[in-house]
Each structure stands twice: as structure tokens, then as C-alpha cells.
Amino acid sequence: MRAPIRPIRGRWPSWLEGLAPLRRFFRLDPLAILDDDASPEAFREAMSSIHVGGTIKITGGDRHPETDELLIGAVDLSNARIADIGASDGSTSVDLIGRLPDFAAYVIADLYLTLRAVRVGSRTALFDAQDRCVLVVGRRLMAWPELSRVVRALYGRVIARAAARLRSDGREVLLLNPETRRLIASDPRVSHRTHDVFTVWEGDRPDVIKIANLLRRLYFDDADLLRALHAVHASLPEGGHLMIVDNPRLADPRPRAGVWRREDGRFVEVARLGEPEIADLVERVGA
């Protein structure tokens, strides 16, 4: 996301939106995340415009079929308690749950599961849990104040008015795909919770922790990655399993994944697909 202001698709003359040099700049109205009747595909596309916590909420369905099979083949998941950390809108969680044998519990977890939306005139401002304005959406344009001082100045009055009404008029927006919400409503084994990968899991420890496209050197340095891995290690019981998945944007787009078992206070590799990016760091935990 390089440009801090983008035009909204379908709100401009068709000849302008159709120009090849400009076409890639237009985006779906991100307020589709406020629509309870939005299709799963529209919701996922709208989520790609949500920039929060230093990352973009890029998501999609059927992204991890090979790595899901790696986990299912390597670990006995019958009656397992599974935590999916950094699951974004839960699309890939729904995919995995559909492939699982009988399991005890599945928690879809992410640090950024909600936003608050406030309407100010023709614009809507979206705020994160720290009351930072992460997106302003108007009739024709969307803008990211956190990415540009100029944008913050341009939309300063709108943001200030919205912030003043955040507690009284703010609408909570759950950043879970409609498919995910329906699954949670229909299956009591499936739930969601806010969780920071740098903290130890609270409550009953999961038997399996899956972390996909979060613990990457693209986002964190090695010191922070090790801090997260130590928290994950402390969250698992002896004999519990960790799976880390990468979907790198490289010339070879095949996913990379590893499965490790907590054994004698350290992580022992039990399965691998390709070359997981931080396998070297995982093997340092407890060593």
C-alpha cells in the first residue's frame, strides 16, 4: 500500500476507471466490512484495505491446503484443542476446520479483531482499539491517516469530530468473515478471542498452535521473533505442537511450513514443507 489515498471503485466515471494506468489504484469500498450481508469474497477484498498494527489485513480462502494436510498428517488432532493465532478474518481457519477429524475446540485468535466506526457527514472514520484513526472513507476516496502527515492534516477535522463521538456513536465492527461468523454461531467448539502472539496464552493451554504469515522477518527482527516464540513455547504443554506457515511473495509462491513438538523443554521438528523462514529461530528456543 504505497499511496495513502486511493479512489473507490464504482464511484468515478467508467472511462476514468477503465484507463489501464489507473485501474490498479481503484479499490472496493472498504465499508463492505460493515455490511452484515456482504459476500465472503467482498469482505475479504475490503479487508485488504485495513491497515492496523503496522500490517495490512490481507486474507483469502483456500490459501493453506498443502500446509493443512501437513499438519493433519503429522499430528493426531482428534480431541485436540487448537489455537489459530494471527488468523485475520478467519477464512483459512474455516478451511482447516472443514478438513479436520473430530476436535475438542478451535479458537480463532488475532490481536486486531475489532474496529470502531463513526459516521461524520458523508465520511466514516475507523478507529483501532487504541483509538487511533486507521482509515477514513468518503464517497469517492479512502485515506490512511497513519501513513501520511499530509493525510492526517487534510482529514484532521473529520478525525477530531469522529474521535469526540467515538464512545457515544461508535459502532463496533467485528473483523471476521461472514463465513467465519456463521461457523462460530453454529458450532459451539469454535470461538474467537483477542490475543497478542507476544504474550502467553491465558486459560487452558492448547494442544496445537498454528501461526500463519505473522512471525516473519518482513514484520519483526529476530529478537522480537524469539520473544514471540518463547511465549508460544510457554503456552504449549509438553507434547504440544506448533505449526508455522509462510506464504511468501516470491518467484516460487509455494507455501513453506514446519511442525514442531514441544519435547524436553525445546521444539523438535516433526514435519516440514519447503524451507520455513524462521526454522532456525524455532530450534533455538529451549536449546
Protein backbone atom coordinates (compact mmCIF):
# COMPACT_ATOMS: atom_id res chain seq x y z
CA MET A 1 0.00 0.00 0.00
CA ARG A 2 2.12 2.90 -1.24
CA ALA A 3 -0.41 5.68 -1.92
CA PRO A 4 -2.03 6.94 1.33
CA ILE A 5 -5.16 8.00 -0.61
CA ARG A 6 -6.99 5.73 -3.06
CA PRO A 7 -10.12 6.18 -5.23
CA ILE A 8 -13.11 3.92 -4.58
CA ARG A 9 -14.20 1.66 -7.40
CA GLY A 10 -17.60 2.34 -8.93
CA ARG A 11 -17.73 5.99 -7.79
CA TRP A 12 -15.95 7.56 -10.77
CA PRO A 13 -16.72 7.85 -14.50
CA SER A 14 -16.33 4.44 -16.14
CA TRP A 15 -13.94 5.81 -18.76
CA LEU A 16 -11.62 7.01 -15.98
CA GLU A 17 -11.74 3.76 -14.01
CA GLY A 18 -11.11 1.83 -17.22
CA LEU A 19 -7.82 3.55 -18.06
CA ALA A 20 -5.11 0.90 -17.86
CA PRO A 21 -2.55 3.08 -15.97
CA LEU A 22 -5.13 3.94 -13.30
CA ARG A 23 -7.14 0.74 -12.98
CA ARG A 24 -4.94 -0.81 -10.29
CA PHE A 25 -5.35 2.20 -7.99
CA PHE A 26 -9.12 1.78 -7.58
CA ARG A 27 -10.31 -0.28 -4.62
CA LEU A 28 -13.57 -1.76 -3.44
CA ASP A 29 -15.39 0.33 -0.85
CA PRO A 30 -13.87 -0.92 2.44
CA LEU A 31 -17.14 -0.22 4.25
CA ALA A 32 -18.24 -3.62 2.98
CA ILE A 33 -16.90 -4.82 6.35
CA LEU A 34 -19.87 -3.02 7.96
CA ASP A 35 -22.38 -4.88 5.80
CA ASP A 36 -23.75 -7.97 7.54
CA ASP A 37 -24.91 -9.25 4.15
CA ALA A 38 -21.58 -8.81 2.37
CA SER A 39 -20.36 -11.84 0.46
CA PRO A 40 -17.27 -13.60 1.84
CA GLU A 41 -15.34 -12.52 -1.27
CA ALA A 42 -16.33 -8.85 -0.93
CA PHE A 43 -15.49 -8.91 2.78
CA ARG A 44 -12.03 -10.35 2.10
CA GLU A 45 -11.34 -7.75 -0.60
CA ALA A 46 -12.47 -4.95 1.71
CA MET A 47 -10.22 -6.31 4.47
CA SER A 48 -7.17 -5.76 2.25
CA SER A 49 -7.71 -2.02 2.79
CA ILE A 50 -7.47 -2.32 6.58
CA HIS A 51 -4.01 -1.25 7.75
CA VAL A 52 -3.68 -1.74 11.50
CA GLY A 53 -0.81 -2.52 13.85
CA GLY A 54 1.75 -1.96 11.11
CA THR A 55 0.34 -4.70 8.87
CA ILE A 56 -2.29 -4.97 6.15
CA LYS A 57 -5.15 -7.39 6.83
CA ILE A 58 -4.62 -9.37 3.63
CA THR A 59 -6.65 -12.56 3.72
CA GLY A 60 -8.17 -15.15 1.44
CA GLY A 61 -9.78 -18.52 1.22
CA ASP A 62 -8.07 -21.81 0.36
CA ARG A 63 -4.61 -20.37 0.98
CA HIS A 64 -3.16 -23.26 3.04
CA PRO A 65 -4.34 -26.59 1.60
CA GLU A 66 -0.85 -28.12 1.45
CA THR A 67 0.13 -26.93 4.92
CA ASP A 68 -3.22 -28.02 6.38
CA GLU A 69 -2.52 -31.51 5.05
CA LEU A 70 0.99 -31.34 6.53
CA LEU A 71 -0.49 -30.71 9.99
CA ILE A 72 -3.20 -33.34 9.65
CA GLY A 73 -0.67 -35.93 8.52
CA ALA A 74 1.87 -35.13 11.24
CA VAL A 75 -0.28 -34.71 14.36
CA ASP A 76 -3.18 -36.66 15.84
CA LEU A 77 -5.80 -33.91 16.03
CA SER A 78 -8.69 -36.00 17.35
CA ASN A 79 -9.97 -34.33 20.51
CA ALA A 80 -7.31 -31.60 20.18
CA ARG A 81 -7.62 -28.02 21.39
CA ILE A 82 -6.32 -25.81 18.58
CA ALA A 83 -5.40 -22.12 18.68
CA ASP A 84 -5.01 -20.30 15.36
CA ILE A 85 -3.04 -17.14 16.19
CA GLY A 86 -2.94 -14.25 13.74
CA ALA A 87 -5.92 -15.69 11.90
CA SER A 88 -7.09 -12.34 10.45
CA ASP A 89 -10.72 -12.72 9.28
CA GLY A 90 -10.74 -16.48 9.92
CA SER A 91 -11.03 -17.57 6.28
CA THR A 92 -8.14 -20.03 6.49
CA SER A 93 -9.40 -21.23 9.88
CA VAL A 94 -12.71 -22.18 8.27
CA ASP A 95 -10.80 -24.08 5.57
CA LEU A 96 -8.78 -26.07 8.13
CA ILE A 97 -11.79 -26.80 10.34
CA GLY A 98 -13.55 -28.27 7.32
CA ARG A 99 -10.68 -30.75 6.86
CA LEU A 100 -10.25 -31.75 10.49
CA PRO A 101 -11.27 -35.00 12.15
CA ASP A 102 -13.23 -34.61 15.38
CA PHE A 103 -11.60 -31.98 17.61
CA ALA A 104 -12.32 -30.56 21.07
CA ALA A 105 -12.01 -26.81 20.49
CA TYR A 106 -10.77 -24.35 17.88
CA VAL A 107 -10.02 -20.73 18.83
CA ILE A 108 -9.63 -18.14 16.06
CA ALA A 109 -7.32 -15.53 17.56
CA ASP A 110 -5.92 -12.21 16.39
CA LEU A 111 -4.66 -9.06 18.07
CA TYR A 112 -6.87 -6.90 15.84
CA LEU A 113 -10.35 -8.41 15.78
CA THR A 114 -12.42 -5.24 16.08
CA LEU A 115 -12.56 -1.65 14.90
CA ARG A 116 -14.99 1.14 15.75
CA ALA A 117 -16.73 3.11 13.02
CA VAL A 118 -18.07 6.65 13.36
CA ARG A 119 -20.05 8.45 10.67
CA VAL A 120 -19.30 12.17 10.24
CA GLY A 121 -21.34 13.72 7.45
CA SER A 122 -20.51 11.88 4.23
CA ARG A 123 -17.40 10.24 5.69
CA THR A 124 -16.82 7.28 8.00
CA ALA A 125 -13.76 7.07 10.25
CA LEU A 126 -12.48 3.72 11.53
CA PHE A 127 -10.54 3.52 14.81
CA ASP A 128 -8.46 0.74 16.34
CA ALA A 129 -8.51 -0.43 19.98
CA GLN A 130 -6.06 2.35 20.93
CA ASP A 131 -8.45 4.97 19.46
CA ARG A 132 -6.15 5.68 16.52
CA CYS A 133 -7.88 6.54 13.27
CA VAL A 134 -6.70 3.93 10.77
CA LEU A 135 -8.95 4.76 7.80
CA VAL A 136 -11.29 7.49 6.56
CA VAL A 137 -13.79 6.57 3.84
CA GLY A 138 -15.75 9.12 1.83
CA ARG A 139 -17.96 8.98 -1.25
CA ARG A 140 -15.08 8.73 -3.70
CA LEU A 141 -11.86 8.41 -1.73
CA MET A 142 -10.38 6.39 1.12
CA ALA A 143 -7.37 7.59 3.10
CA TRP A 144 -4.96 6.18 5.72
CA PRO A 145 -4.02 8.89 8.26
CA GLU A 146 -1.42 6.68 9.95
CA LEU A 147 0.58 6.51 6.72
CA SER A 148 0.94 10.20 5.94
CA ARG A 149 1.23 13.51 7.81
CA VAL A 150 -0.40 15.23 4.84
CA VAL A 151 -3.40 12.92 5.06
CA ARG A 152 -3.66 13.49 8.82
CA ALA A 153 -3.70 17.24 8.19
CA LEU A 154 -6.24 17.02 5.37
CA TYR A 155 -8.65 14.92 7.41
CA GLY A 156 -7.79 16.38 10.81
CA ARG A 157 -11.17 18.00 11.44
CA VAL A 158 -13.09 14.89 10.39
CA ILE A 159 -10.93 12.68 12.61
CA ALA A 160 -11.30 15.05 15.59
CA ARG A 161 -15.10 15.17 15.23
CA ALA A 162 -15.28 11.38 14.90
CA ALA A 163 -12.97 10.84 17.89
CA ALA A 164 -15.18 13.07 20.05
CA ARG A 165 -18.16 10.82 19.25
CA LEU A 166 -16.30 7.51 19.43
CA ARG A 167 -17.74 6.41 22.77
CA SER A 168 -21.29 7.63 22.19
CA ASP A 169 -21.83 6.85 18.49
CA GLY A 170 -19.05 4.39 17.61
CA ARG A 171 -20.20 1.11 16.09
CA GLU A 172 -18.08 -1.95 16.84
CA VAL A 173 -17.05 -3.84 13.72
CA LEU A 174 -16.00 -7.48 14.10
CA LEU A 175 -13.31 -8.23 11.53
CA LEU A 176 -14.39 -11.81 10.95
CA ASN A 177 -15.62 -13.01 7.58
CA PRO A 178 -19.37 -13.77 7.36
CA GLU A 179 -18.49 -17.45 6.80
CA THR A 180 -16.42 -17.42 9.98
CA ARG A 181 -19.21 -15.81 12.00
CA ARG A 182 -21.73 -18.36 10.75
CA LEU A 183 -19.42 -21.22 11.72
CA ILE A 184 -18.90 -19.80 15.22
CA ALA A 185 -22.67 -19.40 15.63
CA SER A 186 -23.38 -22.97 14.52
CA ASP A 187 -20.51 -24.92 16.15
CA PRO A 188 -20.00 -24.46 19.91
CA ARG A 189 -16.47 -25.86 19.62
CA VAL A 190 -15.38 -22.85 17.56
CA SER A 191 -14.79 -19.44 19.17
CA HIS A 192 -12.75 -16.27 18.72
CA ARG A 193 -10.65 -14.14 21.05
CA THR A 194 -8.20 -11.28 21.01
CA HIS A 195 -4.65 -12.48 21.62
CA ASP A 196 -1.17 -11.00 21.24
CA VAL A 197 1.40 -13.50 19.97
CA PHE A 198 3.97 -11.93 22.31
CA THR A 199 2.01 -12.98 25.39
CA VAL A 200 1.40 -16.39 26.96
CA TRP A 201 -1.98 -17.95 26.17
CA GLU A 202 -4.45 -17.47 29.02
CA GLY A 203 -6.66 -20.27 30.29
CA ASP A 204 -6.48 -23.90 29.18
CA ARG A 205 -3.35 -24.44 27.12
CA PRO A 206 -3.95 -25.52 23.52
CA ASP A 207 -2.59 -28.82 22.21
CA VAL A 208 -1.74 -27.21 18.85
CA ILE A 209 -0.87 -23.62 17.95
CA LYS A 210 -0.97 -22.58 14.30
CA ILE A 211 0.63 -19.28 13.27
CA ALA A 212 0.44 -18.33 9.60
CA ASN A 213 2.06 -15.34 7.88
CA LEU A 214 2.70 -13.49 11.12
CA LEU A 215 6.10 -14.47 12.52
CA ARG A 216 8.05 -13.18 9.53
CA ARG A 217 11.30 -11.25 9.26
CA LEU A 218 9.25 -8.99 6.99
CA TYR A 219 7.47 -7.71 10.14
CA PHE A 220 9.81 -8.35 13.10
CA ASP A 221 13.51 -8.56 13.89
CA ASP A 222 14.99 -11.75 15.31
CA ALA A 223 14.84 -10.52 18.91
CA ASP A 224 11.08 -9.95 18.67
CA LEU A 225 10.56 -13.23 16.82
CA LEU A 226 12.35 -15.10 19.60
CA ARG A 227 10.27 -13.26 22.19
CA ALA A 228 7.10 -14.44 20.43
CA LEU A 229 8.41 -17.99 20.13
CA HIS A 230 9.23 -18.13 23.85
CA ALA A 231 5.64 -17.01 24.61
CA VAL A 232 4.30 -19.72 22.31
CA HIS A 233 6.60 -22.31 23.93
CA ALA A 234 5.25 -21.35 27.36
CA SER A 235 1.68 -21.62 26.03
CA LEU A 236 2.04 -25.26 24.96
CA PRO A 237 2.04 -28.32 27.25
CA GLU A 238 4.76 -30.93 26.95
CA GLY A 239 3.93 -32.90 23.81
CA GLY A 240 2.02 -29.97 22.29
CA HIS A 241 2.66 -28.90 18.71
CA LEU A 242 3.47 -25.65 16.90
CA MET A 243 2.92 -25.11 13.18
CA ILE A 244 4.32 -22.05 11.43
CA VAL A 245 3.24 -21.22 7.87
CA ASP A 246 4.74 -18.74 5.41
CA ASN A 247 3.08 -17.65 2.19
CA PRO A 248 5.99 -15.65 0.80
CA ARG A 249 5.58 -13.31 -2.17
CA LEU A 250 8.48 -14.78 -4.08
CA ALA A 251 9.07 -16.06 -7.59
CA ASP A 252 8.32 -19.52 -6.17
CA PRO A 253 4.97 -18.96 -4.41
CA ARG A 254 4.74 -22.40 -2.83
CA PRO A 255 3.98 -22.20 0.91
CA ARG A 256 6.61 -23.05 3.48
CA ALA A 257 5.70 -24.63 6.79
CA GLY A 258 7.10 -26.55 9.72
CA VAL A 259 5.57 -28.56 12.54
CA TRP A 260 7.41 -28.87 15.85
CA ARG A 261 6.62 -30.77 19.07
CA ARG A 262 7.48 -29.40 22.50
CA GLU A 263 9.68 -32.12 23.92
CA ASP A 264 12.04 -31.97 26.93
CA GLY A 265 11.67 -28.21 27.10
CA ARG A 266 12.52 -27.47 23.48
CA PHE A 267 10.99 -27.67 19.99
CA VAL A 268 11.70 -30.80 17.96
CA GLU A 269 10.82 -30.80 14.27
CA VAL A 270 8.35 -33.47 13.17
CA ALA A 271 7.40 -32.32 9.64
CA ARG A 272 8.42 -29.73 7.07
CA LEU A 273 7.26 -28.32 3.75
CA GLY A 274 9.94 -26.37 1.92
CA GLU A 275 12.20 -24.11 3.98
CA PRO A 276 10.28 -22.33 6.77
CA GLU A 277 11.69 -18.84 7.13
CA ILE A 278 12.34 -18.89 10.89
CA ALA A 279 13.03 -22.58 11.42
CA ASP A 280 16.46 -21.64 12.75
CA LEU A 281 14.90 -19.48 15.47
CA VAL A 282 12.34 -22.12 16.46
CA GLU A 283 15.15 -24.61 17.05
CA ARG A 284 16.96 -22.14 19.34
CA VAL A 285 14.03 -21.98 21.80
CA GLY A 286 14.88 -24.03 24.88
CA ALA A 287 18.18 -25.17 23.41
